PDB file of all heavy atoms in Angstrom:
ATOM      1  N   LYS A   1     -16.267   2.248 -13.829  1.00  0.00           N
ATOM      2  CA  LYS A   1     -17.482   2.780 -13.217  1.00  0.00           C
ATOM      3  C   LYS A   1     -17.292   4.156 -12.592  1.00  0.00           C
ATOM      4  O   LYS A   1     -18.216   4.969 -12.581  1.00  0.00           O
ATOM      5  CB  LYS A   1     -17.981   1.812 -12.134  1.00  0.00           C
ATOM      6  CG  LYS A   1     -18.434   0.462 -12.670  1.00  0.00           C
ATOM      7  CD  LYS A   1     -18.833  -0.460 -11.533  1.00  0.00           C
ATOM      8  CE  LYS A   1     -19.269  -1.824 -12.064  1.00  0.00           C
ATOM      9  NZ  LYS A   1     -19.617  -2.758 -10.963  1.00  0.00           N
ATOM     10  N   ILE A   2     -16.091   4.406 -12.040  1.00  0.00           N
ATOM     11  CA  ILE A   2     -15.861   5.636 -11.289  1.00  0.00           C
ATOM     12  C   ILE A   2     -14.666   6.377 -11.870  1.00  0.00           C
ATOM     13  O   ILE A   2     -13.656   5.766 -12.205  1.00  0.00           O
ATOM     14  CB  ILE A   2     -15.604   5.331  -9.796  1.00  0.00           C
ATOM     15  CG1 ILE A   2     -16.749   4.509  -9.208  1.00  0.00           C
ATOM     16  CG2 ILE A   2     -15.425   6.619  -9.003  1.00  0.00           C
ATOM     17  CD1 ILE A   2     -16.510   4.056  -7.792  1.00  0.00           C
ATOM     18  N   SER A   3     -14.796   7.691 -11.963  1.00  0.00           N
ATOM     19  CA  SER A   3     -13.690   8.523 -12.437  1.00  0.00           C
ATOM     20  C   SER A   3     -12.928   9.079 -11.235  1.00  0.00           C
ATOM     21  O   SER A   3     -13.494   9.814 -10.416  1.00  0.00           O
ATOM     22  CB  SER A   3     -14.229   9.669 -13.299  1.00  0.00           C
ATOM     23  OG  SER A   3     -13.168  10.508 -13.714  1.00  0.00           O
ATOM     24  N   PHE A   4     -11.661   8.709 -11.115  1.00  0.00           N
ATOM     25  CA  PHE A   4     -10.807   9.190 -10.031  1.00  0.00           C
ATOM     26  C   PHE A   4      -9.348   9.031 -10.468  1.00  0.00           C
ATOM     27  O   PHE A   4      -9.056   8.318 -11.430  1.00  0.00           O
ATOM     28  CB  PHE A   4     -11.065   8.394  -8.742  1.00  0.00           C
ATOM     29  CG  PHE A   4     -10.744   6.926  -8.860  1.00  0.00           C
ATOM     30  CD1 PHE A   4      -9.514   6.418  -8.480  1.00  0.00           C
ATOM     31  CD2 PHE A   4     -11.694   6.037  -9.366  1.00  0.00           C
ATOM     32  CE1 PHE A   4      -9.228   5.074  -8.600  1.00  0.00           C
ATOM     33  CE2 PHE A   4     -11.411   4.685  -9.493  1.00  0.00           C
ATOM     34  CZ  PHE A   4     -10.171   4.208  -9.105  1.00  0.00           C
ATOM     35  N   PRO A   5      -8.414   9.701  -9.791  1.00  0.00           N
ATOM     36  CA  PRO A   5      -6.989   9.588 -10.171  1.00  0.00           C
ATOM     37  C   PRO A   5      -6.528   8.137 -10.107  1.00  0.00           C
ATOM     38  O   PRO A   5      -6.605   7.496  -9.058  1.00  0.00           O
ATOM     39  CB  PRO A   5      -6.280  10.457  -9.126  1.00  0.00           C
ATOM     40  CG  PRO A   5      -7.318  11.433  -8.681  1.00  0.00           C
ATOM     41  CD  PRO A   5      -8.617  10.676  -8.714  1.00  0.00           C
ATOM     42  N   LYS A   6      -6.028   7.635 -11.208  1.00  0.00           N
ATOM     43  CA  LYS A   6      -5.679   6.216 -11.302  1.00  0.00           C
ATOM     44  C   LYS A   6      -4.472   5.832 -10.436  1.00  0.00           C
ATOM     45  O   LYS A   6      -4.335   4.665 -10.063  1.00  0.00           O
ATOM     46  CB  LYS A   6      -5.402   5.837 -12.765  1.00  0.00           C
ATOM     47  CG  LYS A   6      -6.497   6.245 -13.740  1.00  0.00           C
ATOM     48  CD  LYS A   6      -7.821   5.606 -13.404  1.00  0.00           C
ATOM     49  CE  LYS A   6      -8.880   5.881 -14.462  1.00  0.00           C
ATOM     50  NZ  LYS A   6      -9.241   7.313 -14.601  1.00  0.00           N
ATOM     51  N   TYR A   7      -3.607   6.803 -10.142  1.00  0.00           N
ATOM     52  CA  TYR A   7      -2.426   6.471  -9.343  1.00  0.00           C
ATOM     53  C   TYR A   7      -2.797   5.990  -7.951  1.00  0.00           C
ATOM     54  O   TYR A   7      -2.027   5.275  -7.301  1.00  0.00           O
ATOM     55  CB  TYR A   7      -1.487   7.677  -9.263  1.00  0.00           C
ATOM     56  CG  TYR A   7      -2.002   8.815  -8.421  1.00  0.00           C
ATOM     57  CD1 TYR A   7      -1.761   8.842  -7.041  1.00  0.00           C
ATOM     58  CD2 TYR A   7      -2.722   9.867  -8.975  1.00  0.00           C
ATOM     59  CE1 TYR A   7      -2.227   9.886  -6.253  1.00  0.00           C
ATOM     60  CE2 TYR A   7      -3.185  10.907  -8.194  1.00  0.00           C
ATOM     61  CZ  TYR A   7      -2.940  10.915  -6.832  1.00  0.00           C
ATOM     62  OH  TYR A   7      -3.407  11.943  -6.058  1.00  0.00           O
ATOM     63  N   ILE A   8      -3.988   6.372  -7.485  1.00  0.00           N
ATOM     64  CA  ILE A   8      -4.434   5.956  -6.150  1.00  0.00           C
ATOM     65  C   ILE A   8      -4.518   4.436  -6.061  1.00  0.00           C
ATOM     66  O   ILE A   8      -4.225   3.847  -5.016  1.00  0.00           O
ATOM     67  CB  ILE A   8      -5.803   6.600  -5.821  1.00  0.00           C
ATOM     68  CG1 ILE A   8      -5.650   8.114  -5.720  1.00  0.00           C
ATOM     69  CG2 ILE A   8      -6.367   6.035  -4.520  1.00  0.00           C
ATOM     70  CD1 ILE A   8      -6.957   8.841  -5.460  1.00  0.00           C
ATOM     71  N   VAL A   9      -4.885   3.800  -7.160  1.00  0.00           N
ATOM     72  CA  VAL A   9      -5.010   2.342  -7.178  1.00  0.00           C
ATOM     73  C   VAL A   9      -3.656   1.684  -6.918  1.00  0.00           C
ATOM     74  O   VAL A   9      -3.542   0.747  -6.113  1.00  0.00           O
ATOM     75  CB  VAL A   9      -5.575   1.869  -8.537  1.00  0.00           C
ATOM     76  CG1 VAL A   9      -5.563   0.349  -8.613  1.00  0.00           C
ATOM     77  CG2 VAL A   9      -6.978   2.396  -8.743  1.00  0.00           C
ATOM     78  N   VAL A  10      -2.623   2.181  -7.575  1.00  0.00           N
ATOM     79  CA  VAL A  10      -1.288   1.616  -7.404  1.00  0.00           C
ATOM     80  C   VAL A  10      -0.741   1.907  -6.012  1.00  0.00           C
ATOM     81  O   VAL A  10      -0.174   1.024  -5.351  1.00  0.00           O
ATOM     82  CB  VAL A  10      -0.323   2.169  -8.476  1.00  0.00           C
ATOM     83  CG1 VAL A  10       1.077   1.604  -8.281  1.00  0.00           C
ATOM     84  CG2 VAL A  10      -0.834   1.835  -9.869  1.00  0.00           C
ATOM     85  N   VAL A  11      -0.921   3.141  -5.559  1.00  0.00           N
ATOM     86  CA  VAL A  11      -0.416   3.515  -4.226  1.00  0.00           C
ATOM     87  C   VAL A  11      -1.084   2.683  -3.148  1.00  0.00           C
ATOM     88  O   VAL A  11      -0.424   2.171  -2.237  1.00  0.00           O
ATOM     89  CB  VAL A  11      -0.637   5.026  -3.964  1.00  0.00           C
ATOM     90  CG1 VAL A  11      -0.289   5.370  -2.528  1.00  0.00           C
ATOM     91  CG2 VAL A  11       0.194   5.861  -4.923  1.00  0.00           C
ATOM     92  N   SER A  12      -2.401   2.520  -3.240  1.00  0.00           N
ATOM     93  CA  SER A  12      -3.124   1.754  -2.217  1.00  0.00           C
ATOM     94  C   SER A  12      -2.690   0.294  -2.214  1.00  0.00           C
ATOM     95  O   SER A  12      -2.613  -0.343  -1.155  1.00  0.00           O
ATOM     96  CB  SER A  12      -4.634   1.857  -2.453  1.00  0.00           C
ATOM     97  OG  SER A  12      -4.983   1.299  -3.711  1.00  0.00           O
ATOM     98  N   ALA A  13      -2.379  -0.243  -3.399  1.00  0.00           N
ATOM     99  CA  ALA A  13      -1.944  -1.642  -3.485  1.00  0.00           C
ATOM    100  C   ALA A  13      -0.575  -1.826  -2.847  1.00  0.00           C
ATOM    101  O   ALA A  13      -0.330  -2.812  -2.135  1.00  0.00           O
ATOM    102  CB  ALA A  13      -1.913  -2.095  -4.944  1.00  0.00           C
ATOM    103  N   THR A  14       0.326  -0.879  -3.082  1.00  0.00           N
ATOM    104  CA  THR A  14       1.683  -1.003  -2.530  1.00  0.00           C
ATOM    105  C   THR A  14       1.738  -0.707  -1.039  1.00  0.00           C
ATOM    106  O   THR A  14       2.675  -1.133  -0.362  1.00  0.00           O
ATOM    107  CB  THR A  14       2.650  -0.055  -3.268  1.00  0.00           C
ATOM    108  OG1 THR A  14       2.161   1.293  -3.187  1.00  0.00           O
ATOM    109  CG2 THR A  14       2.797  -0.452  -4.728  1.00  0.00           C
ATOM    110  N   LEU A  15       0.755   0.018  -0.518  1.00  0.00           N
ATOM    111  CA  LEU A  15       0.750   0.321   0.920  1.00  0.00           C
ATOM    112  C   LEU A  15       0.589  -0.937   1.769  1.00  0.00           C
ATOM    113  O   LEU A  15       0.973  -0.955   2.934  1.00  0.00           O
ATOM    114  CB  LEU A  15      -0.359   1.326   1.246  1.00  0.00           C
ATOM    115  CG  LEU A  15      -0.082   2.776   0.841  1.00  0.00           C
ATOM    116  CD1 LEU A  15      -1.268   3.662   1.187  1.00  0.00           C
ATOM    117  CD2 LEU A  15       1.182   3.298   1.519  1.00  0.00           C
ATOM    118  N   THR A  16       0.025  -1.977   1.187  1.00  0.00           N
ATOM    119  CA  THR A  16      -0.058  -3.259   1.893  1.00  0.00           C
ATOM    120  C   THR A  16       1.332  -3.769   2.237  1.00  0.00           C
ATOM    121  O   THR A  16       1.576  -4.272   3.345  1.00  0.00           O
ATOM    122  CB  THR A  16      -0.784  -4.308   1.027  1.00  0.00           C
ATOM    123  OG1 THR A  16      -2.078  -3.832   0.690  1.00  0.00           O
ATOM    124  CG2 THR A  16      -0.916  -5.625   1.771  1.00  0.00           C
ATOM    125  N   ALA A  17       2.252  -3.620   1.290  1.00  0.00           N
ATOM    126  CA  ALA A  17       3.634  -4.041   1.527  1.00  0.00           C
ATOM    127  C   ALA A  17       4.295  -3.174   2.595  1.00  0.00           C
ATOM    128  O   ALA A  17       5.120  -3.669   3.373  1.00  0.00           O
ATOM    129  CB  ALA A  17       4.426  -3.970   0.229  1.00  0.00           C
ATOM    130  N   VAL A  18       3.937  -1.905   2.638  1.00  0.00           N
ATOM    131  CA  VAL A  18       4.493  -1.002   3.660  1.00  0.00           C
ATOM    132  C   VAL A  18       4.071  -1.452   5.048  1.00  0.00           C
ATOM    133  O   VAL A  18       4.882  -1.495   5.987  1.00  0.00           O
ATOM    134  CB  VAL A  18       4.049   0.455   3.411  1.00  0.00           C
ATOM    135  CG1 VAL A  18       4.515   1.357   4.554  1.00  0.00           C
ATOM    136  CG2 VAL A  18       4.588   0.953   2.078  1.00  0.00           C
ATOM    137  N   ILE A  19       2.801  -1.784   5.194  1.00  0.00           N
ATOM    138  CA  ILE A  19       2.300  -2.263   6.490  1.00  0.00           C
ATOM    139  C   ILE A  19       3.030  -3.540   6.898  1.00  0.00           C
ATOM    140  O   ILE A  19       3.439  -3.695   8.056  1.00  0.00           O
ATOM    141  CB  ILE A  19       0.773  -2.500   6.420  1.00  0.00           C
ATOM    142  CG1 ILE A  19       0.044  -1.177   6.176  1.00  0.00           C
ATOM    143  CG2 ILE A  19       0.273  -3.160   7.704  1.00  0.00           C
ATOM    144  CD1 ILE A  19      -1.441  -1.329   5.924  1.00  0.00           C
ATOM    145  N   ASN A  20       3.208  -4.432   5.943  1.00  0.00           N
ATOM    146  CA  ASN A  20       3.888  -5.694   6.237  1.00  0.00           C
ATOM    147  C   ASN A  20       5.339  -5.481   6.647  1.00  0.00           C
ATOM    148  O   ASN A  20       5.840  -6.129   7.572  1.00  0.00           O
ATOM    149  CB  ASN A  20       3.820  -6.625   5.026  1.00  0.00           C
ATOM    150  CG  ASN A  20       2.431  -7.182   4.790  1.00  0.00           C
ATOM    151  OD1 ASN A  20       1.617  -7.243   5.707  1.00  0.00           O
ATOM    152  ND2 ASN A  20       2.153  -7.565   3.557  1.00  0.00           N
ATOM    153  N   VAL A  21       6.034  -4.573   5.971  1.00  0.00           N
ATOM    154  CA  VAL A  21       7.443  -4.368   6.298  1.00  0.00           C
ATOM    155  C   VAL A  21       7.588  -3.690   7.664  1.00  0.00           C
ATOM    156  O   VAL A  21       8.565  -3.933   8.383  1.00  0.00           O
ATOM    157  CB  VAL A  21       8.160  -3.553   5.202  1.00  0.00           C
ATOM    158  CG1 VAL A  21       7.869  -2.057   5.318  1.00  0.00           C
ATOM    159  CG2 VAL A  21       9.670  -3.778   5.274  1.00  0.00           C
ATOM    160  N   LEU A  22       6.639  -2.867   8.046  1.00  0.00           N
ATOM    161  CA  LEU A  22       6.691  -2.246   9.376  1.00  0.00           C
ATOM    162  C   LEU A  22       6.513  -3.303  10.466  1.00  0.00           C
ATOM    163  O   LEU A  22       7.168  -3.253  11.514  1.00  0.00           O
ATOM    164  CB  LEU A  22       5.625  -1.158   9.491  1.00  0.00           C
ATOM    165  CG  LEU A  22       5.845   0.091   8.618  1.00  0.00           C
ATOM    166  CD1 LEU A  22       4.687   1.069   8.784  1.00  0.00           C
ATOM    167  CD2 LEU A  22       7.172   0.754   8.954  1.00  0.00           C
ATOM    168  N   ILE A  23       5.617  -4.250  10.212  1.00  0.00           N
ATOM    169  CA  ILE A  23       5.435  -5.351  11.163  1.00  0.00           C
ATOM    170  C   ILE A  23       6.702  -6.198  11.226  1.00  0.00           C
ATOM    171  O   ILE A  23       7.176  -6.571  12.305  1.00  0.00           O
ATOM    172  CB  ILE A  23       4.226  -6.218  10.759  1.00  0.00           C
ATOM    173  CG1 ILE A  23       2.934  -5.400  10.851  1.00  0.00           C
ATOM    174  CG2 ILE A  23       4.136  -7.463  11.643  1.00  0.00           C
ATOM    175  CD1 ILE A  23       1.713  -6.121  10.313  1.00  0.00           C
ATOM    176  N   ASN A  24       7.260  -6.488  10.055  1.00  0.00           N
ATOM    177  CA  ASN A  24       8.489  -7.279  10.008  1.00  0.00           C
ATOM    178  C   ASN A  24       9.668  -6.547  10.635  1.00  0.00           C
ATOM    179  O   ASN A  24      10.584  -7.181  11.172  1.00  0.00           O
ATOM    180  CB  ASN A  24       8.819  -7.647   8.559  1.00  0.00           C
ATOM    181  CG  ASN A  24       7.867  -8.673   7.984  1.00  0.00           C
ATOM    182  OD1 ASN A  24       7.293  -9.468   8.718  1.00  0.00           O
ATOM    183  ND2 ASN A  24       7.687  -8.651   6.684  1.00  0.00           N
ATOM    184  N   LEU A  25       9.652  -5.221  10.559  1.00  0.00           N
ATOM    185  CA  LEU A  25      10.719  -4.434  11.173  1.00  0.00           C
ATOM    186  C   LEU A  25      10.721  -4.610  12.688  1.00  0.00           C
ATOM    187  O   LEU A  25      11.787  -4.656  13.316  1.00  0.00           O
ATOM    188  CB  LEU A  25      10.552  -2.954  10.809  1.00  0.00           C
ATOM    189  CG  LEU A  25      11.679  -2.017  11.245  1.00  0.00           C
ATOM    190  CD1 LEU A  25      12.999  -2.428  10.612  1.00  0.00           C
ATOM    191  CD2 LEU A  25      11.341  -0.574  10.872  1.00  0.00           C
ATOM    192  N   VAL A  26       9.540  -4.715  13.266  1.00  0.00           N
ATOM    193  CA  VAL A  26       9.441  -4.980  14.705  1.00  0.00           C
ATOM    194  C   VAL A  26      10.059  -6.332  15.035  1.00  0.00           C
ATOM    195  O   VAL A  26      10.785  -6.479  16.030  1.00  0.00           O
ATOM    196  CB  VAL A  26       7.960  -4.933  15.161  1.00  0.00           C
ATOM    197  CG1 VAL A  26       7.843  -5.347  16.627  1.00  0.00           C
ATOM    198  CG2 VAL A  26       7.383  -3.541  14.951  1.00  0.00           C
ATOM    199  N   VAL A  27       9.797  -7.322  14.180  1.00  0.00           N
ATOM    200  CA  VAL A  27      10.374  -8.654  14.371  1.00  0.00           C
ATOM    201  C   VAL A  27      11.898  -8.587  14.286  1.00  0.00           C
ATOM    202  O   VAL A  27      12.609  -9.203  15.085  1.00  0.00           O
ATOM    203  CB  VAL A  27       9.823  -9.640  13.322  1.00  0.00           C
ATOM    204  CG1 VAL A  27      10.499 -11.001  13.460  1.00  0.00           C
ATOM    205  CG2 VAL A  27       8.313  -9.787  13.475  1.00  0.00           C
ATOM    206  N   ILE A  28      12.412  -7.832  13.315  1.00  0.00           N
ATOM    207  CA  ILE A  28      13.866  -7.690  13.160  1.00  0.00           C
ATOM    208  C   ILE A  28      14.476  -7.065  14.407  1.00  0.00           C
ATOM    209  O   ILE A  28      15.526  -7.510  14.893  1.00  0.00           O
ATOM    210  CB  ILE A  28      14.197  -6.834  11.924  1.00  0.00           C
ATOM    211  CG1 ILE A  28      13.806  -7.567  10.646  1.00  0.00           C
ATOM    212  CG2 ILE A  28      15.686  -6.486  11.891  1.00  0.00           C
ATOM    213  CD1 ILE A  28      13.992  -6.738   9.393  1.00  0.00           C
TER     214      ILE A  28
END
């Protein structure tokens, strides 16, 4: 439906893991 740089989709999906690891880093 929308034309935009496709890499944004992958980057945005992996950023969820970044947020999680930062939270887990606090636990560590």
